[in-house]
Amino acid sequence: MKTSRDGTDLSAGRPAVRLRMPRETASHRAPLFWAVRAGLGWTALQLAEVGWLLNDRIDRVPYLPVPSPQYLLIAVTAVLALFHLSVMPRC
């Protein structure tokens, strides 16, 4: 194995990458802050959707025997919010 004076491997034709410790890292409380901030955003969106549902005069689509598609939208938003919050960084 061919190495330079500082010990980097030169056998591949280019020096090996050496990682250094980061100078500035995120606070240990940062992941909690990110999760709370994301949760508040999803809550605001859910409340807007529920407000839209409650203030809408049409409860059913006239040509479909199912409730308003707003219920589906609220359910999909809830699933996406839970998924997003479950993959957020942890402390």
PDB file of N, CA and C in Angstrom:
ATOM      1  N   MET A   1       0.848  -1.169   0.000  1.00  0.00           N
ATOM      2  CA  MET A   1       0.000   0.000   0.000  1.00  0.00           C
ATOM      3  C   MET A   1       0.897   1.237   0.000  1.00  0.00           C
ATOM      4  N   LYS A   2       0.620   2.128  -0.911  1.00  0.00           N
ATOM      5  CA  LYS A   2       1.403   3.352  -1.050  1.00  0.00           C
ATOM      6  C   LYS A   2       0.757   4.447  -0.206  1.00  0.00           C
ATOM      7  N   THR A   3       1.532   5.074   0.659  1.00  0.00           N
ATOM      8  CA  THR A   3       1.008   6.126   1.529  1.00  0.00           C
ATOM      9  C   THR A   3       1.871   7.371   1.429  1.00  0.00           C
ATOM     10  N   SER A   4       1.260   8.488   1.748  1.00  0.00           N
ATOM     11  CA  SER A   4       2.001   9.747   1.771  1.00  0.00           C
ATOM     12  C   SER A   4       2.588   9.951   3.162  1.00  0.00           C
ATOM     13  N   ARG A   5       3.270  11.083   3.359  1.00  0.00           N
ATOM     14  CA  ARG A   5       3.894  11.351   4.659  1.00  0.00           C
ATOM     15  C   ARG A   5       2.881  11.434   5.798  1.00  0.00           C
ATOM     16  N   ASP A   6       1.657  11.942   5.496  1.00  0.00           N
ATOM     17  CA  ASP A   6       0.674  12.069   6.579  1.00  0.00           C
ATOM     18  C   ASP A   6      -0.149  10.794   6.774  1.00  0.00           C
ATOM     19  N   GLY A   7       0.142   9.748   6.026  1.00  0.00           N
ATOM     20  CA  GLY A   7      -0.523   8.475   6.242  1.00  0.00           C
ATOM     21  C   GLY A   7      -1.730   8.221   5.362  1.00  0.00           C
ATOM     22  N   THR A   8      -2.009   9.115   4.399  1.00  0.00           N
ATOM     23  CA  THR A   8      -3.160   8.891   3.524  1.00  0.00           C
ATOM     24  C   THR A   8      -2.806   7.877   2.461  1.00  0.00           C
ATOM     25  N   ASP A   9      -3.789   7.100   2.058  1.00  0.00           N
ATOM     26  CA  ASP A   9      -3.599   6.038   1.080  1.00  0.00           C
ATOM     27  C   ASP A   9      -3.575   6.641  -0.323  1.00  0.00           C
ATOM     28  N   LEU A  10      -2.503   6.396  -1.061  1.00  0.00           N
ATOM     29  CA  LEU A  10      -2.373   6.908  -2.419  1.00  0.00           C
ATOM     30  C   LEU A  10      -2.460   5.804  -3.460  1.00  0.00           C
ATOM     31  N   SER A  11      -2.787   4.587  -3.073  1.00  0.00           N
ATOM     32  CA  SER A  11      -2.792   3.470  -4.004  1.00  0.00           C
ATOM     33  C   SER A  11      -3.905   3.585  -5.037  1.00  0.00           C
ATOM     34  N   ALA A  12      -4.973   4.288  -4.764  1.00  0.00           N
ATOM     35  CA  ALA A  12      -6.073   4.434  -5.716  1.00  0.00           C
ATOM     36  C   ALA A  12      -5.837   5.598  -6.665  1.00  0.00           C
ATOM     37  N   GLY A  13      -4.734   6.295  -6.557  1.00  0.00           N
ATOM     38  CA  GLY A  13      -4.443   7.411  -7.437  1.00  0.00           C
ATOM     39  C   GLY A  13      -4.877   8.746  -6.861  1.00  0.00           C
ATOM     40  N   ARG A  14      -5.614   8.721  -5.786  1.00  0.00           N
ATOM     41  CA  ARG A  14      -6.027   9.967  -5.135  1.00  0.00           C
ATOM     42  C   ARG A  14      -5.996   9.746  -3.630  1.00  0.00           C
ATOM     43  N   PRO A  15      -5.797  10.791  -2.858  1.00  0.00           N
ATOM     44  CA  PRO A  15      -5.724  10.611  -1.403  1.00  0.00           C
ATOM     45  C   PRO A  15      -7.077  10.193  -0.821  1.00  0.00           C
ATOM     46  N   ALA A  16      -7.030   9.356   0.194  1.00  0.00           N
ATOM     47  CA  ALA A  16      -8.244   8.926   0.882  1.00  0.00           C
ATOM     48  C   ALA A  16      -8.826  10.100   1.660  1.00  0.00           C
ATOM     49  N   VAL A  17     -10.132  10.142   1.754  1.00  0.00           N
ATOM     50  CA  VAL A  17     -10.805  11.225   2.465  1.00  0.00           C
ATOM     51  C   VAL A  17     -10.766  10.927   3.959  1.00  0.00           C
ATOM     52  N   ARG A  18     -10.340  11.895   4.706  1.00  0.00           N
ATOM     53  CA  ARG A  18     -10.325  11.753   6.165  1.00  0.00           C
ATOM     54  C   ARG A  18     -11.380  12.682   6.733  1.00  0.00           C
ATOM     55  N   LEU A  19     -12.250  12.145   7.550  1.00  0.00           N
ATOM     56  CA  LEU A  19     -13.298  12.949   8.167  1.00  0.00           C
ATOM     57  C   LEU A  19     -12.775  13.559   9.460  1.00  0.00           C
ATOM     58  N   ARG A  20     -13.226  14.747   9.727  1.00  0.00           N
ATOM     59  CA  ARG A  20     -12.851  15.401  10.973  1.00  0.00           C
ATOM     60  C   ARG A  20     -14.094  15.556  11.835  1.00  0.00           C
ATOM     61  N   MET A  21     -13.902  15.774  13.096  1.00  0.00           N
ATOM     62  CA  MET A  21     -15.025  16.005  14.002  1.00  0.00           C
ATOM     63  C   MET A  21     -15.627  17.370  13.676  1.00  0.00           C
ATOM     64  N   PRO A  22     -16.950  17.478  13.687  1.00  0.00           N
ATOM     65  CA  PRO A  22     -17.560  18.776  13.396  1.00  0.00           C
ATOM     66  C   PRO A  22     -17.257  19.785  14.494  1.00  0.00           C
ATOM     67  N   ARG A  23     -17.086  21.042  14.094  1.00  0.00           N
ATOM     68  CA  ARG A  23     -16.794  22.088  15.068  1.00  0.00           C
ATOM     69  C   ARG A  23     -18.038  22.495  15.831  1.00  0.00           C
ATOM     70  N   GLU A  24     -19.142  22.570  15.104  1.00  0.00           N
ATOM     71  CA  GLU A  24     -20.390  22.985  15.738  1.00  0.00           C
ATOM     72  C   GLU A  24     -21.445  21.914  15.492  1.00  0.00           C
ATOM     73  N   THR A  25     -22.033  21.427  16.551  1.00  0.00           N
ATOM     74  CA  THR A  25     -23.083  20.423  16.424  1.00  0.00           C
ATOM     75  C   THR A  25     -24.398  21.016  16.911  1.00  0.00           C
ATOM     76  N   ALA A  26     -25.488  20.369  16.537  1.00  0.00           N
ATOM     77  CA  ALA A  26     -26.805  20.829  16.985  1.00  0.00           C
ATOM     78  C   ALA A  26     -26.954  20.551  18.480  1.00  0.00           C
ATOM     79  N   SER A  27     -27.763  21.346  19.113  1.00  0.00           N
ATOM     80  CA  SER A  27     -28.038  21.164  20.530  1.00  0.00           C
ATOM     81  C   SER A  27     -28.735  19.825  20.754  1.00  0.00           C
ATOM     82  N   HIS A  28     -28.602  19.266  21.938  1.00  0.00           N
ATOM     83  CA  HIS A  28     -29.285  18.010  22.245  1.00  0.00           C
ATOM     84  C   HIS A  28     -30.797  18.210  22.335  1.00  0.00           C
ATOM     85  N   ARG A  29     -31.238  19.461  22.484  1.00  0.00           N
ATOM     86  CA  ARG A  29     -32.673  19.757  22.533  1.00  0.00           C
ATOM     87  C   ARG A  29     -33.250  20.053  21.147  1.00  0.00           C
ATOM     88  N   ALA A  30     -32.407  20.170  20.137  1.00  0.00           N
ATOM     89  CA  ALA A  30     -32.856  20.538  18.796  1.00  0.00           C
ATOM     90  C   ALA A  30     -33.865  19.541  18.199  1.00  0.00           C
ATOM     91  N   PRO A  31     -33.648  18.223  18.285  1.00  0.00           N
ATOM     92  CA  PRO A  31     -34.637  17.303  17.711  1.00  0.00           C
ATOM     93  C   PRO A  31     -36.027  17.450  18.322  1.00  0.00           C
ATOM     94  N   LEU A  32     -36.094  17.723  19.604  1.00  0.00           N
ATOM     95  CA  LEU A  32     -37.393  17.944  20.243  1.00  0.00           C
ATOM     96  C   LEU A  32     -38.036  19.214  19.698  1.00  0.00           C
ATOM     97  N   PHE A  33     -37.248  20.256  19.530  1.00  0.00           N
ATOM     98  CA  PHE A  33     -37.758  21.504  18.959  1.00  0.00           C
ATOM     99  C   PHE A  33     -38.277  21.278  17.547  1.00  0.00           C
ATOM    100  N   TRP A  34     -37.521  20.528  16.737  1.00  0.00           N
ATOM    101  CA  TRP A  34     -37.946  20.252  15.364  1.00  0.00           C
ATOM    102  C   TRP A  34     -39.251  19.470  15.343  1.00  0.00           C
ATOM    103  N   ALA A  35     -39.375  18.471  16.224  1.00  0.00           N
ATOM    104  CA  ALA A  35     -40.592  17.666  16.255  1.00  0.00           C
ATOM    105  C   ALA A  35     -41.802  18.482  16.706  1.00  0.00           C
ATOM    106  N   VAL A  36     -41.616  19.321  17.723  1.00  0.00           N
ATOM    107  CA  VAL A  36     -42.723  20.162  18.198  1.00  0.00           C
ATOM    108  C   VAL A  36     -43.134  21.155  17.120  1.00  0.00           C
ATOM    109  N   ARG A  37     -42.158  21.758  16.454  1.00  0.00           N
ATOM    110  CA  ARG A  37     -42.467  22.715  15.394  1.00  0.00           C
ATOM    111  C   ARG A  37     -43.216  22.040  14.247  1.00  0.00           C
ATOM    112  N   ALA A  38     -42.799  20.848  13.862  1.00  0.00           N
ATOM    113  CA  ALA A  38     -43.492  20.121  12.802  1.00  0.00           C
ATOM    114  C   ALA A  38     -44.897  19.725  13.256  1.00  0.00           C
ATOM    115  N   GLY A  39     -45.032  19.309  14.506  1.00  0.00           N
ATOM    116  CA  GLY A  39     -46.343  18.935  15.034  1.00  0.00           C
ATOM    117  C   GLY A  39     -47.303  20.107  15.058  1.00  0.00           C
ATOM    118  N   LEU A  40     -46.808  21.284  15.398  1.00  0.00           N
ATOM    119  CA  LEU A  40     -47.664  22.470  15.390  1.00  0.00           C
ATOM    120  C   LEU A  40     -48.113  22.827  13.976  1.00  0.00           C
ATOM    121  N   GLY A  41     -47.237  22.650  13.017  1.00  0.00           N
ATOM    122  CA  GLY A  41     -47.600  22.904  11.629  1.00  0.00           C
ATOM    123  C   GLY A  41     -48.685  21.955  11.140  1.00  0.00           C
ATOM    124  N   TRP A  42     -48.534  20.667  11.455  1.00  0.00           N
ATOM    125  CA  TRP A  42     -49.547  19.685  11.062  1.00  0.00           C
ATOM    126  C   TRP A  42     -50.866  19.947  11.789  1.00  0.00           C
ATOM    127  N   THR A  43     -50.785  20.359  13.048  1.00  0.00           N
ATOM    128  CA  THR A  43     -52.013  20.660  13.805  1.00  0.00           C
ATOM    129  C   THR A  43     -52.749  21.845  13.195  1.00  0.00           C
ATOM    130  N   ALA A  44     -52.008  22.863  12.795  1.00  0.00           N
ATOM    131  CA  ALA A  44     -52.638  24.025  12.157  1.00  0.00           C
ATOM    132  C   ALA A  44     -53.325  23.619  10.852  1.00  0.00           C
ATOM    133  N   LEU A  45     -52.681  22.764  10.082  1.00  0.00           N
ATOM    134  CA  LEU A  45     -53.284  22.299   8.838  1.00  0.00           C
ATOM    135  C   LEU A  45     -54.545  21.484   9.111  1.00  0.00           C
ATOM    136  N   GLN A  46     -54.485  20.598  10.108  1.00  0.00           N
ATOM    137  CA  GLN A  46     -55.662  19.786  10.460  1.00  0.00           C
ATOM    138  C   GLN A  46     -56.815  20.669  10.933  1.00  0.00           C
ATOM    139  N   LEU A  47     -56.512  21.666  11.745  1.00  0.00           N
ATOM    140  CA  LEU A  47     -57.565  22.566  12.216  1.00  0.00           C
ATOM    141  C   LEU A  47     -58.190  23.350  11.061  1.00  0.00           C
ATOM    142  N   ALA A  48     -57.387  23.757  10.104  1.00  0.00           N
ATOM    143  CA  ALA A  48     -57.929  24.455   8.934  1.00  0.00           C
ATOM    144  C   ALA A  48     -58.837  23.531   8.131  1.00  0.00           C
ATOM    145  N   GLU A  49     -58.439  22.281   7.984  1.00  0.00           N
ATOM    146  CA  GLU A  49     -59.266  21.330   7.249  1.00  0.00           C
ATOM    147  C   GLU A  49     -60.574  21.045   7.977  1.00  0.00           C
ATOM    148  N   VAL A  50     -60.526  20.896   9.282  1.00  0.00           N
ATOM    149  CA  VAL A  50     -61.749  20.660  10.060  1.00  0.00           C
ATOM    150  C   VAL A  50     -62.652  21.890  10.011  1.00  0.00           C
ATOM    151  N   GLY A  51     -62.070  23.084  10.088  1.00  0.00           N
ATOM    152  CA  GLY A  51     -62.860  24.302   9.963  1.00  0.00           C
ATOM    153  C   GLY A  51     -63.534  24.396   8.610  1.00  0.00           C
ATOM    154  N   TRP A  52     -62.824  23.996   7.567  1.00  0.00           N
ATOM    155  CA  TRP A  52     -63.391  23.977   6.223  1.00  0.00           C
ATOM    156  C   TRP A  52     -64.552  22.992   6.160  1.00  0.00           C
ATOM    157  N   LEU A  53     -64.373  21.835   6.767  1.00  0.00           N
ATOM    158  CA  LEU A  53     -65.426  20.817   6.784  1.00  0.00           C
ATOM    159  C   LEU A  53     -66.662  21.318   7.525  1.00  0.00           C
ATOM    160  N   LEU A  54     -66.455  21.953   8.683  1.00  0.00           N
ATOM    161  CA  LEU A  54     -67.590  22.410   9.483  1.00  0.00           C
ATOM    162  C   LEU A  54     -68.317  23.597   8.847  1.00  0.00           C
ATOM    163  N   ASN A  55     -67.609  24.403   8.094  1.00  0.00           N
ATOM    164  CA  ASN A  55     -68.227  25.574   7.477  1.00  0.00           C
ATOM    165  C   ASN A  55     -68.751  25.314   6.069  1.00  0.00           C
ATOM    166  N   ASP A  56     -68.524  24.126   5.569  1.00  0.00           N
ATOM    167  CA  ASP A  56     -68.993  23.800   4.227  1.00  0.00           C
ATOM    168  C   ASP A  56     -70.467  23.424   4.282  1.00  0.00           C
ATOM    169  N   ARG A  57     -71.251  23.949   3.373  1.00  0.00           N
ATOM    170  CA  ARG A  57     -72.694  23.703   3.365  1.00  0.00           C
ATOM    171  C   ARG A  57     -73.041  22.333   2.783  1.00  0.00           C
ATOM    172  N   ILE A  58     -72.220  21.818   1.905  1.00  0.00           N
ATOM    173  CA  ILE A  58     -72.521  20.536   1.261  1.00  0.00           C
ATOM    174  C   ILE A  58     -71.860  19.422   2.067  1.00  0.00           C
ATOM    175  N   ASP A  59     -72.683  18.510   2.594  1.00  0.00           N
ATOM    176  CA  ASP A  59     -72.137  17.402   3.379  1.00  0.00           C
ATOM    177  C   ASP A  59     -71.861  16.181   2.501  1.00  0.00           C
ATOM    178  N   ARG A  60     -72.533  16.080   1.395  1.00  0.00           N
ATOM    179  CA  ARG A  60     -72.330  14.939   0.514  1.00  0.00           C
ATOM    180  C   ARG A  60     -72.131  15.415  -0.920  1.00  0.00           C
ATOM    181  N   VAL A  61     -71.400  14.615  -1.652  1.00  0.00           N
ATOM    182  CA  VAL A  61     -71.276  14.869  -3.084  1.00  0.00           C
ATOM    183  C   VAL A  61     -72.561  14.359  -3.716  1.00  0.00           C
ATOM    184  N   PRO A  62     -73.258  15.169  -4.518  1.00  0.00           N
ATOM    185  CA  PRO A  62     -74.580  14.782  -5.020  1.00  0.00           C
ATOM    186  C   PRO A  62     -74.601  13.477  -5.809  1.00  0.00           C
ATOM    187  N   TYR A  63     -73.564  13.176  -6.544  1.00  0.00           N
ATOM    188  CA  TYR A  63     -73.588  11.997  -7.400  1.00  0.00           C
ATOM    189  C   TYR A  63     -72.887  10.785  -6.791  1.00  0.00           C
ATOM    190  N   LEU A  64     -72.397  10.905  -5.570  1.00  0.00           N
ATOM    191  CA  LEU A  64     -71.751   9.767  -4.913  1.00  0.00           C
ATOM    192  C   LEU A  64     -72.457   9.457  -3.597  1.00  0.00           C
ATOM    193  N   PRO A  65     -72.681   8.183  -3.316  1.00  0.00           N
ATOM    194  CA  PRO A  65     -73.334   7.825  -2.050  1.00  0.00           C
ATOM    195  C   PRO A  65     -72.354   7.730  -0.879  1.00  0.00           C
ATOM    196  N   VAL A  66     -71.388   8.615  -0.841  1.00  0.00           N
ATOM    197  CA  VAL A  66     -70.379   8.604   0.224  1.00  0.00           C
ATOM    198  C   VAL A  66     -70.304  10.004   0.835  1.00  0.00           C
ATOM    199  N   PRO A  67     -69.768  10.105   2.040  1.00  0.00           N
ATOM    200  CA  PRO A  67     -69.595  11.434   2.641  1.00  0.00           C
ATOM    201  C   PRO A  67     -68.633  12.302   1.826  1.00  0.00           C
ATOM    202  N   SER A  68     -68.552  13.524   2.206  1.00  0.00           N
ATOM    203  CA  SER A  68     -67.719  14.503   1.518  1.00  0.00           C
ATOM    204  C   SER A  68     -66.266  14.027   1.435  1.00  0.00           C
ATOM    205  N   PRO A  69     -65.586  14.325   0.332  1.00  0.00           N
ATOM    206  CA  PRO A  69     -64.164  13.949   0.207  1.00  0.00           C
ATOM    207  C   PRO A  69     -63.273  14.649   1.234  1.00  0.00           C
ATOM    208  N   GLN A  70     -63.814  15.639   1.916  1.00  0.00           N
ATOM    209  CA  GLN A  70     -63.026  16.325   2.936  1.00  0.00           C
ATOM    210  C   GLN A  70     -62.638  15.368   4.065  1.00  0.00           C
ATOM    211  N   TYR A  71     -63.514  14.396   4.351  1.00  0.00           N
ATOM    212  CA  TYR A  71     -63.171  13.408   5.377  1.00  0.00           C
ATOM    213  C   TYR A  71     -61.940  12.611   4.963  1.00  0.00           C
ATOM    214  N   LEU A  72     -61.887  12.245   3.697  1.00  0.00           N
ATOM    215  CA  LEU A  72     -60.725  11.513   3.192  1.00  0.00           C
ATOM    216  C   LEU A  72     -59.471  12.387   3.265  1.00  0.00           C
ATOM    217  N   LEU A  73     -59.609  13.647   2.908  1.00  0.00           N
ATOM    218  CA  LEU A  73     -58.472  14.564   2.975  1.00  0.00           C
ATOM    219  C   LEU A  73     -57.954  14.689   4.405  1.00  0.00           C
ATOM    220  N   ILE A  74     -58.849  14.795   5.363  1.00  0.00           N
ATOM    221  CA  ILE A  74     -58.445  14.901   6.769  1.00  0.00           C
ATOM    222  C   ILE A  74     -57.734  13.630   7.211  1.00  0.00           C
ATOM    223  N   ALA A  75     -58.247  12.476   6.801  1.00  0.00           N
ATOM    224  CA  ALA A  75     -57.616  11.201   7.173  1.00  0.00           C
ATOM    225  C   ALA A  75     -56.237  11.059   6.539  1.00  0.00           C
ATOM    226  N   VAL A  76     -56.103  11.412   5.271  1.00  0.00           N
ATOM    227  CA  VAL A  76     -54.804  11.323   4.590  1.00  0.00           C
ATOM    228  C   VAL A  76     -53.800  12.275   5.236  1.00  0.00           C
ATOM    229  N   THR A  77     -54.251  13.470   5.577  1.00  0.00           N
ATOM    230  CA  THR A  77     -53.363  14.426   6.235  1.00  0.00           C
ATOM    231  C   THR A  77     -52.892  13.896   7.585  1.00  0.00           C
ATOM    232  N   ALA A  78     -53.796  13.264   8.330  1.00  0.00           N
ATOM    233  CA  ALA A  78     -53.416  12.699   9.636  1.00  0.00           C
ATOM    234  C   ALA A  78     -52.384  11.593   9.474  1.00  0.00           C
ATOM    235  N   VAL A  79     -52.567  10.738   8.478  1.00  0.00           N
ATOM    236  CA  VAL A  79     -51.598   9.655   8.241  1.00  0.00           C
ATOM    237  C   VAL A  79     -50.241  10.230   7.850  1.00  0.00           C
ATOM    238  N   LEU A  80     -50.238  11.216   6.965  1.00  0.00           N
ATOM    239  CA  LEU A  80     -48.972  11.840   6.575  1.00  0.00           C
ATOM    240  C   LEU A  80     -48.288  12.526   7.758  1.00  0.00           C
ATOM    241  N   ALA A  81     -49.079  13.168   8.605  1.00  0.00           N
ATOM    242  CA  ALA A  81     -48.504  13.830   9.785  1.00  0.00           C
ATOM    243  C   ALA A  81     -47.871  12.808  10.725  1.00  0.00           C
ATOM    244  N   LEU A  82     -48.564  11.718  10.975  1.00  0.00           N
ATOM    245  CA  LEU A  82     -48.011  10.683  11.861  1.00  0.00           C
ATOM    246  C   LEU A  82     -46.742  10.077  11.274  1.00  0.00           C
ATOM    247  N   PHE A  83     -46.748   9.843   9.969  1.00  0.00           N
ATOM    248  CA  PHE A  83     -45.546   9.312   9.329  1.00  0.00           C
ATOM    249  C   PHE A  83     -44.393  10.304   9.442  1.00  0.00           C
ATOM    250  N   HIS A  84     -44.663  11.559   9.134  1.00  0.00           N
ATOM    251  CA  HIS A  84     -43.617  12.580   9.196  1.00  0.00           C
ATOM    252  C   HIS A  84     -43.031  12.703  10.593  1.00  0.00           C
ATOM    253  N   LEU A  85     -43.908  12.727  11.598  1.00  0.00           N
ATOM    254  CA  LEU A  85     -43.425  12.872  12.971  1.00  0.00           C
ATOM    255  C   LEU A  85     -42.709  11.621  13.457  1.00  0.00           C
ATOM    256  N   SER A  86     -43.038  10.458  12.884  1.00  0.00           N
ATOM    257  CA  SER A  86     -42.378   9.232  13.329  1.00  0.00           C
ATOM    258  C   SER A  86     -40.957   9.116  12.764  1.00  0.00           C
ATOM    259  N   VAL A  87     -40.663   9.786  11.664  1.00  0.00           N
ATOM    260  CA  VAL A  87     -39.320   9.714  11.098  1.00  0.00           C
ATOM    261  C   VAL A  87     -38.477  10.941  11.436  1.00  0.00           C
ATOM    262  N   MET A  88     -38.997  11.810  12.295  1.00  0.00           N
ATOM    263  CA  MET A  88     -38.210  12.972  12.720  1.00  0.00           C
ATOM    264  C   MET A  88     -37.003  12.495  13.530  1.00  0.00           C
ATOM    265  N   PRO A  89     -35.910  13.264  13.526  1.00  0.00           N
ATOM    266  CA  PRO A  89     -34.741  12.884  14.340  1.00  0.00           C
ATOM    267  C   PRO A  89     -35.117  12.793  15.822  1.00  0.00           C
ATOM    268  N   ARG A  90     -34.487  11.883  16.505  1.00  0.00           N
ATOM    269  CA  ARG A  90     -34.763  11.674  17.936  1.00  0.00           C
ATOM    270  C   ARG A  90     -33.589  12.193  18.772  1.00  0.00           C
ATOM    271  N   CYS A  91     -33.902  12.491  20.008  1.00  0.00           N
ATOM    272  CA  CYS A  91     -32.864  12.961  20.935  1.00  0.00           C
ATOM    273  C   CYS A  91     -31.937  11.835  21.313  1.00  0.00           C
TER     274      CYS A  91
END
